[in-house]
C-alpha atoms as a PDB file:
ATOM      1  CA  MET A   1     -26.279   9.865 -13.733  1.00  0.00           C
ATOM      2  CA  GLY A   2     -22.833  11.041 -12.780  1.00  0.00           C
ATOM      3  CA  LYS A   3     -19.531   9.206 -12.932  1.00  0.00           C
ATOM      4  CA  ILE A   4     -17.497   7.459 -10.240  1.00  0.00           C
ATOM      5  CA  THR A   5     -13.737   7.043 -10.481  1.00  0.00           C
ATOM      6  CA  VAL A   6     -11.305   5.387  -8.065  1.00  0.00           C
ATOM      7  CA  ILE A   7      -7.960   7.125  -7.659  1.00  0.00           C
ATOM      8  CA  GLY A   8      -4.635   6.123  -6.178  1.00  0.00           C
ATOM      9  CA  ILE A   9      -3.133   9.350  -4.874  1.00  0.00           C
ATOM     10  CA  GLY A  10       0.341   7.925  -4.299  1.00  0.00           C
ATOM     11  CA  PRO A  11       2.223   7.530  -1.021  1.00  0.00           C
ATOM     12  CA  GLY A  12       1.579  11.024   0.311  1.00  0.00           C
ATOM     13  CA  SER A  13       3.419  13.842  -1.401  1.00  0.00           C
ATOM     14  CA  LEU A  14       1.551  15.708  -4.139  1.00  0.00           C
ATOM     15  CA  GLU A  15       4.764  15.454  -6.166  1.00  0.00           C
ATOM     16  CA  ASP A  16       4.297  11.680  -6.277  1.00  0.00           C
ATOM     17  CA  MET A  17       0.712  11.907  -7.559  1.00  0.00           C
ATOM     18  CA  THR A  18       0.240  11.251 -11.269  1.00  0.00           C
ATOM     19  CA  PRO A  19      -1.001  14.143 -13.444  1.00  0.00           C
ATOM     20  CA  ARG A  20      -3.984  11.981 -14.428  1.00  0.00           C
ATOM     21  CA  ALA A  21      -4.979  11.507 -10.781  1.00  0.00           C
ATOM     22  CA  ARG A  22      -4.644  15.202 -10.013  1.00  0.00           C
ATOM     23  CA  LYS A  23      -6.702  16.163 -13.058  1.00  0.00           C
ATOM     24  CA  ALA A  24      -9.501  13.769 -12.057  1.00  0.00           C
ATOM     25  CA  ILE A  25      -9.652  15.118  -8.493  1.00  0.00           C
ATOM     26  CA  GLU A  26      -9.725  18.721  -9.697  1.00  0.00           C
ATOM     27  CA  ALA A  27     -12.568  17.921 -12.140  1.00  0.00           C
ATOM     28  CA  ALA A  28     -14.738  16.076  -9.579  1.00  0.00           C
ATOM     29  CA  ASP A  29     -17.798  17.417  -7.778  1.00  0.00           C
ATOM     30  CA  VAL A  30     -17.442  15.049  -4.814  1.00  0.00           C
ATOM     31  CA  VAL A  31     -14.318  13.535  -3.220  1.00  0.00           C
ATOM     32  CA  ALA A  32     -14.635  10.564  -0.852  1.00  0.00           C
ATOM     33  CA  GLY A  33     -11.909   8.999   1.241  1.00  0.00           C
ATOM     34  CA  TYR A  34     -10.463   8.089   4.608  1.00  0.00           C
ATOM     35  CA  ASN A  35      -9.951  11.298   6.603  1.00  0.00           C
ATOM     36  CA  THR A  36      -6.155  10.928   6.661  1.00  0.00           C
ATOM     37  CA  TYR A  37      -6.044  10.642   2.861  1.00  0.00           C
ATOM     38  CA  ILE A  38      -8.447  13.547   2.419  1.00  0.00           C
ATOM     39  CA  ARG A  39      -5.975  15.727   4.321  1.00  0.00           C
ATOM     40  CA  LEU A  40      -3.207  14.710   1.918  1.00  0.00           C
ATOM     41  CA  VAL A  41      -5.136  16.210  -1.021  1.00  0.00           C
ATOM     42  CA  GLU A  42      -6.765  19.069   0.876  1.00  0.00           C
ATOM     43  CA  SER A  43      -5.168  21.710  -1.339  1.00  0.00           C
ATOM     44  CA  LEU A  44      -6.981  20.260  -4.375  1.00  0.00           C
ATOM     45  CA  LEU A  45     -10.470  20.196  -2.884  1.00  0.00           C
ATOM     46  CA  ALA A  46     -11.514  23.862  -3.213  1.00  0.00           C
ATOM     47  CA  ASP A  47     -15.338  24.019  -2.869  1.00  0.00           C
ATOM     48  CA  LYS A  48     -15.973  20.339  -3.532  1.00  0.00           C
ATOM     49  CA  LYS A  49     -18.267  18.224  -1.395  1.00  0.00           C
ATOM     50  CA  VAL A  50     -16.143  15.933   0.769  1.00  0.00           C
ATOM     51  CA  ILE A  51     -17.162  12.554   2.160  1.00  0.00           C
ATOM     52  CA  GLY A  52     -14.554  11.823   4.807  1.00  0.00           C
ATOM     53  CA  THR A  53     -14.899   8.903   7.195  1.00  0.00           C
ATOM     54  CA  ALA A  54     -12.779   7.231   9.811  1.00  0.00           C
ATOM     55  CA  MET A  55     -10.970   3.898   9.693  1.00  0.00           C
ATOM     56  CA  MET A  56     -13.256   0.837   9.508  1.00  0.00           C
ATOM     57  CA  GLN A  57     -16.011   2.764   7.697  1.00  0.00           C
ATOM     58  CA  GLU A  58     -14.956   1.805   4.180  1.00  0.00           C
ATOM     59  CA  ILE A  59     -18.253   0.233   3.136  1.00  0.00           C
ATOM     60  CA  ASP A  60     -20.315   3.237   4.237  1.00  0.00           C
ATOM     61  CA  ARG A  61     -17.900   5.628   2.538  1.00  0.00           C
ATOM     62  CA  CYS A  62     -17.939   3.792  -0.795  1.00  0.00           C
ATOM     63  CA  ARG A  63     -21.696   3.309  -0.680  1.00  0.00           C
ATOM     64  CA  MET A  64     -22.194   7.051  -0.156  1.00  0.00           C
ATOM     65  CA  ALA A  65     -19.840   7.784  -3.041  1.00  0.00           C
ATOM     66  CA  VAL A  66     -21.771   5.481  -5.383  1.00  0.00           C
ATOM     67  CA  GLU A  67     -25.015   7.167  -4.335  1.00  0.00           C
ATOM     68  CA  GLU A  68     -23.557  10.606  -5.054  1.00  0.00           C
ATOM     69  CA  ALA A  69     -22.571   9.461  -8.537  1.00  0.00           C
ATOM     70  CA  ALA A  70     -25.972   7.869  -9.113  1.00  0.00           C
ATOM     71  CA  GLY A  71     -27.519  11.190  -8.139  1.00  0.00           C
ATOM     72  CA  GLY A  72     -25.651  13.028 -10.881  1.00  0.00           C
ATOM     73  CA  ALA A  73     -22.400  14.158  -9.249  1.00  0.00           C
ATOM     74  CA  ASP A  74     -19.020  13.300 -10.745  1.00  0.00           C
ATOM     75  CA  THR A  75     -17.410  11.540  -7.795  1.00  0.00           C
ATOM     76  CA  VAL A  76     -13.943  10.244  -7.001  1.00  0.00           C
ATOM     77  CA  VAL A  77     -12.915   7.828  -4.256  1.00  0.00           C
ATOM     78  CA  VAL A  78      -9.301   8.305  -3.184  1.00  0.00           C
ATOM     79  CA  SER A  79      -6.923   5.764  -1.685  1.00  0.00           C
ATOM     80  CA  SER A  80      -3.321   6.277  -0.688  1.00  0.00           C
ATOM     81  CA  GLY A  81      -0.746   4.489  -2.796  1.00  0.00           C
ATOM     82  CA  ASP A  82      -2.464   2.504  -5.520  1.00  0.00           C
ATOM     83  CA  ALA A  83      -6.229   2.046  -5.139  1.00  0.00           C
ATOM     84  CA  GLY A  84      -5.932  -1.538  -6.370  1.00  0.00           C
ATOM     85  CA  VAL A  85      -3.403  -2.530  -3.672  1.00  0.00           C
ATOM     86  CA  TYR A  86      -5.256  -2.804  -0.343  1.00  0.00           C
ATOM     87  CA  GLY A  87      -7.334   0.169  -1.529  1.00  0.00           C
ATOM     88  CA  MET A  88     -10.923   0.928  -2.458  1.00  0.00           C
ATOM     89  CA  ALA A  89     -10.942  -0.217  -6.103  1.00  0.00           C
ATOM     90  CA  GLY A  90     -12.425  -3.641  -5.387  1.00  0.00           C
ATOM     91  CA  LEU A  91     -15.097  -2.443  -2.971  1.00  0.00           C
ATOM     92  CA  VAL A  92     -16.322   0.323  -5.287  1.00  0.00           C
ATOM     93  CA  LEU A  93     -16.530  -2.123  -8.187  1.00  0.00           C
ATOM     94  CA  GLU A  94     -18.417  -4.675  -6.092  1.00  0.00           C
ATOM     95  CA  LEU A  95     -20.972  -2.093  -4.954  1.00  0.00           C
ATOM     96  CA  LEU A  96     -21.315  -0.672  -8.446  1.00  0.00           C
ATOM     97  CA  LEU A  97     -21.841  -4.010 -10.184  1.00  0.00           C
ATOM     98  CA  LYS A  98     -24.505  -5.083  -7.685  1.00  0.00           C
ATOM     99  CA  ARG A  99     -26.774  -2.306  -8.932  1.00  0.00           C
ATOM    100  CA  ASP A 100     -29.129  -2.811 -11.867  1.00  0.00           C
ATOM    101  CA  LYS A 101     -27.555  -1.452 -15.039  1.00  0.00           C
ATOM    102  CA  ALA A 102     -30.299   1.159 -15.357  1.00  0.00           C
ATOM    103  CA  GLU A 103     -29.408   2.502 -11.888  1.00  0.00           C
ATOM    104  CA  ARG A 104     -25.652   2.311 -12.305  1.00  0.00           C
ATOM    105  CA  PRO A 105     -23.585   5.513 -12.660  1.00  0.00           C
ATOM    106  CA  GLU A 106     -20.858   5.581 -15.273  1.00  0.00           C
ATOM    107  CA  PHE A 107     -17.631   3.970 -14.123  1.00  0.00           C
ATOM    108  CA  GLY A 108     -14.711   6.268 -14.794  1.00  0.00           C
ATOM    109  CA  GLY A 109     -12.183   3.541 -14.165  1.00  0.00           C
ATOM    110  CA  ILE A 110      -9.295   3.130 -11.762  1.00  0.00           C
ATOM    111  CA  ILE A 111      -6.402   5.566 -11.913  1.00  0.00           C
ATOM    112  CA  ALA A 112      -3.211   3.891 -10.779  1.00  0.00           C
ATOM    113  CA  GLY A 113      -0.939   5.441  -8.186  1.00  0.00           C
ATOM    114  CA  VAL A 114       2.550   4.853  -6.806  1.00  0.00           C
ATOM    115  CA  SER A 115       2.066   2.137  -4.200  1.00  0.00           C
ATOM    116  CA  ALA A 116       3.586   2.266  -0.719  1.00  0.00           C
ATOM    117  CA  VAL A 117       5.781  -0.731  -1.475  1.00  0.00           C
ATOM    118  CA  ASN A 118       7.308   1.062  -4.480  1.00  0.00           C
ATOM    119  CA  ALA A 119       7.818   4.266  -2.508  1.00  0.00           C
ATOM    120  CA  ALA A 120       9.463   2.417   0.392  1.00  0.00           C
ATOM    121  CA  ALA A 121      11.676   0.376  -1.935  1.00  0.00           C
ATOM    122  CA  SER A 122      12.959   3.544  -3.610  1.00  0.00           C
ATOM    123  CA  VAL A 123      13.990   4.927  -0.214  1.00  0.00           C
ATOM    124  CA  LEU A 124      15.887   1.735   0.652  1.00  0.00           C
ATOM    125  CA  GLY A 125      17.654   1.386  -2.685  1.00  0.00           C
ATOM    126  CA  ALA A 126      16.747  -1.548  -4.929  1.00  0.00           C
ATOM    127  CA  PRO A 127      15.332  -4.375  -2.779  1.00  0.00           C
ATOM    128  CA  LEU A 128      12.587  -5.435  -5.223  1.00  0.00           C
ATOM    129  CA  MET A 129      14.724  -6.205  -8.252  1.00  0.00           C
ATOM    130  CA  HIS A 130      13.624  -9.853  -8.230  1.00  0.00           C
ATOM    131  CA  ASP A 131      10.420 -11.745  -7.414  1.00  0.00           C
ATOM    132  CA  PHE A 132       8.645 -10.501  -4.311  1.00  0.00           C
ATOM    133  CA  ALA A 133       5.484 -11.087  -2.295  1.00  0.00           C
ATOM    134  CA  VAL A 134       3.328  -8.475  -0.571  1.00  0.00           C
ATOM    135  CA  ILE A 135       1.513  -9.501   2.620  1.00  0.00           C
ATOM    136  CA  SER A 136      -0.635  -7.456   4.983  1.00  0.00           C
ATOM    137  CA  LEU A 137      -0.341  -8.387   8.662  1.00  0.00           C
ATOM    138  CA  SER A 138      -3.750  -6.919   9.498  1.00  0.00           C
ATOM    139  CA  ASP A 139      -6.064  -9.754  10.535  1.00  0.00           C
ATOM    140  CA  LEU A 140      -9.221  -7.634  10.620  1.00  0.00           C
ATOM    141  CA  LEU A 141     -10.432  -9.051   7.286  1.00  0.00           C
ATOM    142  CA  THR A 142      -8.149 -12.082   6.851  1.00  0.00           C
ATOM    143  CA  PRO A 143      -7.706 -14.960   9.347  1.00  0.00           C
ATOM    144  CA  TRP A 144      -4.324 -14.884  11.038  1.00  0.00           C
ATOM    145  CA  GLU A 145      -3.760 -18.565  10.232  1.00  0.00           C
ATOM    146  CA  LEU A 146      -4.028 -17.775   6.518  1.00  0.00           C
ATOM    147  CA  ILE A 147      -1.637 -14.829   6.817  1.00  0.00           C
ATOM    148  CA  CYS A 148       0.904 -17.093   8.511  1.00  0.00           C
ATOM    149  CA  LYS A 149       0.497 -19.723   5.787  1.00  0.00           C
ATOM    150  CA  ARG A 150       1.140 -17.145   3.089  1.00  0.00           C
ATOM    151  CA  ALA A 151       4.220 -15.878   4.936  1.00  0.00           C
ATOM    152  CA  GLU A 152       5.519 -19.442   5.272  1.00  0.00           C
ATOM    153  CA  MET A 153       5.083 -20.140   1.564  1.00  0.00           C
ATOM    154  CA  ALA A 154       6.725 -16.850   0.551  1.00  0.00           C
ATOM    155  CA  ALA A 155       9.680 -17.479   2.854  1.00  0.00           C
ATOM    156  CA  ALA A 156      10.088 -21.057   1.620  1.00  0.00           C
ATOM    157  CA  GLY A 157      10.084 -19.791  -1.959  1.00  0.00           C
ATOM    158  CA  ASP A 158      12.906 -17.330  -1.199  1.00  0.00           C
ATOM    159  CA  PHE A 159      10.787 -14.337  -2.170  1.00  0.00           C
ATOM    160  CA  VAL A 160      11.618 -10.857  -1.027  1.00  0.00           C
ATOM    161  CA  VAL A 161       8.668 -10.144   1.306  1.00  0.00           C
ATOM    162  CA  ALA A 162       7.057  -6.747   1.814  1.00  0.00           C
ATOM    163  CA  LEU A 163       4.855  -6.371   4.883  1.00  0.00           C
ATOM    164  CA  TYR A 164       1.985  -3.882   4.959  1.00  0.00           C
ATOM    165  CA  ASN A 165       0.299  -2.949   8.269  1.00  0.00           C
ATOM    166  CA  PRO A 166       3.173  -4.557  10.164  1.00  0.00           C
ATOM    167  CA  LYS A 167       2.355  -3.418  13.690  1.00  0.00           C
ATOM    168  CA  SER A 168      -0.239  -1.438  15.614  1.00  0.00           C
ATOM    169  CA  ARG A 169      -0.820  -0.630  19.265  1.00  0.00           C
ATOM    170  CA  LYS A 170      -3.057  -3.702  19.546  1.00  0.00           C
ATOM    171  CA  ARG A 171      -1.151  -6.000  17.179  1.00  0.00           C
ATOM    172  CA  VAL A 172       2.308  -6.144  18.713  1.00  0.00           C
ATOM    173  CA  GLN A 173       2.901  -9.902  18.580  1.00  0.00           C
ATOM    174  CA  ASN A 174       1.935 -10.634  14.971  1.00  0.00           C
ATOM    175  CA  ILE A 175       5.169  -9.322  13.517  1.00  0.00           C
ATOM    176  CA  GLU A 176       7.158 -11.397  16.009  1.00  0.00           C
ATOM    177  CA  GLU A 177       5.372 -14.521  14.751  1.00  0.00           C
ATOM    178  CA  ILE A 178       6.141 -13.583  11.163  1.00  0.00           C
ATOM    179  CA  ARG A 179       9.788 -13.077  12.079  1.00  0.00           C
ATOM    180  CA  GLU A 180       9.924 -16.586  13.543  1.00  0.00           C
ATOM    181  CA  ILE A 181       8.340 -18.009  10.379  1.00  0.00           C
ATOM    182  CA  MET A 182      10.877 -16.202   8.198  1.00  0.00           C
ATOM    183  CA  LEU A 183      13.775 -17.470  10.326  1.00  0.00           C
ATOM    184  CA  ARG A 184      12.801 -21.050   9.491  1.00  0.00           C
ATOM    185  CA  HIS A 185      13.769 -20.383   5.882  1.00  0.00           C
ATOM    186  CA  LYS A 186      16.035 -17.294   5.838  1.00  0.00           C
ATOM    187  CA  ARG A 187      19.374 -16.536   7.473  1.00  0.00           C
ATOM    188  CA  PRO A 188      19.353 -14.371  10.625  1.00  0.00           C
ATOM    189  CA  ASP A 189      21.561 -11.808   8.835  1.00  0.00           C
ATOM    190  CA  THR A 190      19.086 -11.380   5.952  1.00  0.00           C
ATOM    191  CA  PRO A 191      18.731  -7.612   5.367  1.00  0.00           C
ATOM    192  CA  VAL A 192      15.440  -6.014   6.428  1.00  0.00           C
ATOM    193  CA  GLY A 193      14.466  -2.482   5.527  1.00  0.00           C
ATOM    194  CA  ILE A 194      11.913  -0.420   7.448  1.00  0.00           C
ATOM    195  CA  VAL A 195      10.526   2.772   5.937  1.00  0.00           C
ATOM    196  CA  THR A 196       8.072   4.873   7.930  1.00  0.00           C
ATOM    197  CA  ALA A 197       5.990   7.644   6.326  1.00  0.00           C
ATOM    198  CA  ALA A 198       7.453   7.071   2.856  1.00  0.00           C
ATOM    199  CA  SER A 199       7.181  10.230   0.757  1.00  0.00           C
ATOM    200  CA  ARG A 200       5.569  12.118   3.647  1.00  0.00           C
ATOM    201  CA  GLU A 201       6.809  14.566   6.240  1.00  0.00           C
ATOM    202  CA  GLY A 202       8.904  12.754   8.826  1.00  0.00           C
ATOM    203  CA  GLN A 203      10.063   9.969   6.514  1.00  0.00           C
ATOM    204  CA  LYS A 204      12.432   7.535   8.268  1.00  0.00           C
ATOM    205  CA  LYS A 205      14.589   4.703   6.965  1.00  0.00           C
ATOM    206  CA  ILE A 206      16.195   1.886   8.944  1.00  0.00           C
ATOM    207  CA  ILE A 207      18.149  -1.101   7.624  1.00  0.00           C
ATOM    208  CA  SER A 208      18.444  -3.987  10.066  1.00  0.00           C
ATOM    209  CA  THR A 209      18.528  -7.784   9.948  1.00  0.00           C
ATOM    210  CA  LEU A 210      15.953 -10.513  10.251  1.00  0.00           C
ATOM    211  CA  ALA A 211      17.356 -11.377  13.677  1.00  0.00           C
ATOM    212  CA  ASP A 212      16.994  -7.860  15.045  1.00  0.00           C
ATOM    213  CA  PHE A 213      14.501  -5.796  13.021  1.00  0.00           C
ATOM    214  CA  THR A 214      11.596  -6.092  15.483  1.00  0.00           C
ATOM    215  CA  LYS A 215      13.702  -4.190  18.030  1.00  0.00           C
ATOM    216  CA  GLU A 216      13.289  -1.094  15.849  1.00  0.00           C
ATOM    217  CA  GLU A 217      10.368   1.332  15.898  1.00  0.00           C
ATOM    218  CA  ILE A 218       7.621  -0.029  13.607  1.00  0.00           C
ATOM    219  CA  ASN A 219       4.058   1.237  13.326  1.00  0.00           C
ATOM    220  CA  MET A 220       1.069   1.342  10.958  1.00  0.00           C
ATOM    221  CA  PHE A 221       2.806   3.975   8.831  1.00  0.00           C
ATOM    222  CA  SER A 222       5.785   1.650   8.328  1.00  0.00           C
ATOM    223  CA  LEU A 223       6.453  -0.756   5.503  1.00  0.00           C
ATOM    224  CA  VAL A 224       8.890  -3.616   6.098  1.00  0.00           C
ATOM    225  CA  ILE A 225      10.854  -5.277   3.286  1.00  0.00           C
ATOM    226  CA  ILE A 226      12.629  -8.565   4.064  1.00  0.00           C
ATOM    227  CA  GLY A 227      15.292  -9.582   1.551  1.00  0.00           C
ATOM    228  CA  ASN A 228      15.863 -12.911  -0.168  1.00  0.00           C
ATOM    229  CA  SER A 229      18.971 -15.103   0.031  1.00  0.00           C
ATOM    230  CA  LYS A 230      20.867 -12.827  -2.389  1.00  0.00           C
ATOM    231  CA  THR A 231      19.904  -9.439  -0.916  1.00  0.00           C
ATOM    232  CA  TYR A 232      22.786  -7.445   0.519  1.00  0.00           C
ATOM    233  CA  VAL A 233      23.518  -3.997   1.963  1.00  0.00           C
ATOM    234  CA  LYS A 234      26.272  -1.709   0.706  1.00  0.00           C
ATOM    235  CA  GLU A 235      26.928   1.895   1.709  1.00  0.00           C
ATOM    236  CA  GLY A 236      23.474   2.208   3.205  1.00  0.00           C
ATOM    237  CA  TYR A 237      21.582   0.763   0.231  1.00  0.00           C
ATOM    238  CA  MET A 238      19.615  -2.475   0.221  1.00  0.00           C
ATOM    239  CA  ILE A 239      20.071  -4.346  -3.076  1.00  0.00           C
ATOM    240  CA  THR A 240      18.561  -7.560  -4.427  1.00  0.00           C
ATOM    241  CA  PRO A 241      20.554  -8.616  -7.517  1.00  0.00           C
ATOM    242  CA  ARG A 242      18.544  -9.428 -10.625  1.00  0.00           C
ATOM    243  CA  GLY A 243      21.184 -11.844 -11.908  1.00  0.00           C
ATOM    244  CA  TYR A 244      23.099  -9.629 -14.314  1.00  0.00           C
ATOM    245  CA  GLU A 245      26.341 -10.869 -12.773  1.00  0.00           C
ATOM    246  CA  ASN A 246      25.663 -14.176 -14.561  1.00  0.00           C
ATOM    247  CA  LYS A 247      25.894 -12.330 -17.902  1.00  0.00           C
ATOM    248  CA  GLU A 248      28.898 -10.165 -17.127  1.00  0.00           C
ATOM    249  CA  GLN A 249      31.672 -10.867 -14.661  1.00  0.00           C
ATOM    250  CA  GLY A 250      32.554  -8.196 -12.120  1.00  0.00           C
ATOM    251  CA  LEU A 251      29.053  -6.885 -11.399  1.00  0.00           C
END
């Protein structure tokens, strides 16, 4: 039996990959991942066997990776950002634990990576300094009604809200519905940050407002962060105070 490990490769740049993740990829016999993510680590692949599949083929990809490990190959499954945040960690574990113990390859664990929400927040300034919620607007695996309910609850609780998968060519109206939900509980001038291709070539940053942010260019490579009632913008930085001003005047 070989070993299977799930790796978060970070938001895109090799400089943002942890040394532990890089070491695991370099030591592997087989690397599996979504084709776009495989290209991000192409320089580390050398003569390794690569299992690259397209979007919507996650189950097949992870199943093939588990089989490679069961056959004796040390295998890694890569996800962008952190593998445990909308990544492949859960699916690999589910497939692995369904096998009889005698037929189960060794589990090398999950190697954490810098998530997209952290990378985007660092570009914007400090928008996540207080409690926040992360919501994906993709309704391929989650009913849209449930996504809307979660958005409503997060907005009512005055959370900073980070939106993954905010808009695609087919899903153009979903983000407009979320905006309307947020406006029931947040001021129209609430700061909203949009970061596209965080930590990758072509990175873009826009700071807008809840009233106007959907007028900006947003796509599947974007991450949207909607502030809470205390979030403000100063000199191009989006800041959510932690509350230190309550301890020391003048902050």
